[in-house]
N, C-alpha and C. Protein backbone atom coordinates (compact mmCIF):
# COMPACT_ATOMS: atom_id res chain seq x y z
N UNK A 1 78.03 26.33 -21.86
CA UNK A 1 76.85 25.49 -21.62
C UNK A 1 77.54 24.23 -20.80
N UNK A 2 76.77 23.76 -19.83
CA UNK A 2 77.27 22.62 -19.08
C UNK A 2 77.08 21.28 -19.94
N UNK A 3 77.86 20.40 -19.65
CA UNK A 3 77.70 19.04 -20.20
C UNK A 3 77.07 18.22 -19.26
N UNK A 4 76.06 17.36 -19.57
CA UNK A 4 75.39 16.59 -18.76
C UNK A 4 75.61 14.99 -19.06
N UNK A 5 75.29 14.24 -18.14
CA UNK A 5 75.57 12.81 -18.29
C UNK A 5 74.66 12.15 -19.36
N UNK A 6 73.53 12.78 -19.75
CA UNK A 6 72.67 12.11 -20.83
C UNK A 6 73.48 12.39 -22.17
N UNK A 7 74.52 13.15 -22.21
CA UNK A 7 75.17 13.25 -23.44
C UNK A 7 76.30 12.21 -23.58
N UNK A 8 76.60 11.39 -22.49
CA UNK A 8 77.60 10.45 -22.52
C UNK A 8 77.16 9.13 -23.20
N UNK A 9 77.96 8.44 -24.07
CA UNK A 9 77.50 7.33 -24.80
C UNK A 9 77.12 6.24 -23.97
N UNK A 10 77.47 6.15 -22.74
CA UNK A 10 77.12 5.02 -21.88
C UNK A 10 76.08 5.46 -20.87
N UNK A 11 75.25 6.46 -21.08
CA UNK A 11 74.14 6.95 -20.13
C UNK A 11 73.07 5.86 -19.98
N UNK A 12 72.73 5.14 -20.97
CA UNK A 12 71.79 4.03 -20.73
C UNK A 12 72.26 3.03 -19.83
N UNK A 13 73.61 2.59 -19.83
CA UNK A 13 74.21 1.76 -18.90
C UNK A 13 74.16 2.18 -17.52
N UNK A 14 74.48 3.38 -17.28
CA UNK A 14 74.55 4.07 -16.02
C UNK A 14 73.10 4.06 -15.37
N UNK A 15 72.09 4.37 -16.18
CA UNK A 15 70.70 4.19 -15.75
C UNK A 15 70.36 2.90 -15.14
N UNK A 16 70.78 1.83 -15.92
CA UNK A 16 70.52 0.44 -15.76
C UNK A 16 71.18 -0.08 -14.43
N UNK A 17 72.52 0.34 -14.40
CA UNK A 17 73.28 0.13 -13.12
C UNK A 17 72.64 0.54 -11.88
N UNK A 18 72.27 1.85 -11.80
CA UNK A 18 71.70 2.49 -10.73
C UNK A 18 70.32 1.86 -10.36
N UNK A 19 69.57 1.64 -11.42
CA UNK A 19 68.25 0.92 -11.05
C UNK A 19 68.47 -0.53 -10.58
N UNK A 20 69.40 -1.22 -11.09
CA UNK A 20 69.56 -2.52 -10.51
C UNK A 20 70.07 -2.45 -9.04
N UNK A 21 70.92 -1.59 -8.81
CA UNK A 21 71.57 -1.27 -7.52
C UNK A 21 70.43 -0.87 -6.41
N UNK A 22 69.50 -0.19 -6.99
CA UNK A 22 68.41 0.51 -5.91
C UNK A 22 67.26 -0.45 -6.05
N UNK A 23 67.25 -1.30 -6.90
CA UNK A 23 66.10 -2.25 -7.05
C UNK A 23 64.80 -1.60 -7.52
N UNK A 24 65.00 -0.57 -8.47
CA UNK A 24 63.76 0.15 -8.95
C UNK A 24 63.82 0.08 -10.55
N UNK A 25 62.70 0.43 -11.06
CA UNK A 25 62.52 0.51 -12.60
C UNK A 25 63.52 1.60 -13.09
N UNK A 26 63.98 1.24 -14.33
CA UNK A 26 65.03 2.15 -14.93
C UNK A 26 64.30 3.44 -15.34
N UNK A 27 63.02 3.34 -15.64
CA UNK A 27 62.37 4.56 -15.99
C UNK A 27 62.21 5.49 -14.85
N UNK A 28 62.08 5.07 -13.61
CA UNK A 28 62.18 5.94 -12.37
C UNK A 28 63.52 6.55 -12.28
N UNK A 29 64.60 5.86 -12.53
CA UNK A 29 65.94 6.64 -12.51
C UNK A 29 66.00 7.58 -13.36
N UNK A 30 65.66 7.25 -14.60
CA UNK A 30 65.73 8.36 -15.80
C UNK A 30 64.86 9.65 -15.46
N UNK A 31 63.55 9.31 -14.93
CA UNK A 31 62.82 10.41 -14.63
C UNK A 31 63.33 11.27 -13.59
N UNK A 32 63.91 10.71 -12.59
CA UNK A 32 64.63 11.48 -11.44
C UNK A 32 65.69 12.20 -12.08
N UNK A 33 66.67 11.62 -12.81
CA UNK A 33 67.83 12.29 -13.45
C UNK A 33 67.27 13.61 -14.16
N UNK A 34 66.11 13.58 -14.89
CA UNK A 34 65.85 14.63 -15.90
C UNK A 34 65.38 15.77 -14.89
N UNK A 35 64.89 15.65 -13.69
CA UNK A 35 64.44 16.64 -12.87
C UNK A 35 65.54 17.84 -12.65
N UNK A 36 66.73 17.41 -12.59
CA UNK A 36 67.80 18.48 -12.33
C UNK A 36 68.09 19.43 -13.61
N UNK A 37 68.38 18.78 -14.86
CA UNK A 37 68.61 19.61 -16.07
C UNK A 37 67.37 20.59 -16.43
N UNK A 38 66.18 19.91 -16.14
CA UNK A 38 65.02 20.79 -16.43
C UNK A 38 64.72 21.94 -15.44
N UNK A 39 65.19 21.59 -14.16
CA UNK A 39 65.02 22.58 -13.21
C UNK A 39 66.04 23.80 -13.36
N UNK A 40 67.17 23.33 -13.79
CA UNK A 40 68.43 24.25 -14.07
C UNK A 40 67.95 25.11 -15.17
N UNK A 41 67.40 24.51 -16.22
CA UNK A 41 66.98 25.29 -17.50
C UNK A 41 65.85 26.23 -17.12
N UNK A 42 65.00 25.73 -16.46
CA UNK A 42 63.86 26.67 -16.15
C UNK A 42 64.11 27.80 -15.23
N UNK A 43 65.05 27.53 -14.28
CA UNK A 43 65.53 28.71 -13.40
C UNK A 43 66.53 29.60 -14.16
N UNK A 44 67.16 29.26 -15.20
CA UNK A 44 68.01 30.20 -15.98
C UNK A 44 67.27 31.09 -16.81
N UNK A 45 66.08 30.85 -17.08
CA UNK A 45 65.06 31.50 -17.96
C UNK A 45 64.57 32.76 -17.21
N UNK A 46 64.62 32.69 -15.87
CA UNK A 46 64.10 33.79 -15.02
C UNK A 46 64.84 35.20 -15.18
């Protein structure tokens, strides 16, 4: 099984850093992050 960034203890800090650097809400950064693992999981079910 792949290890993902959301398992890292400093994941919330990473989201905050990216949000501040991009000038966007941290919730948008997190939402965009989750697109990839969800897409990978759904494609592996086929």
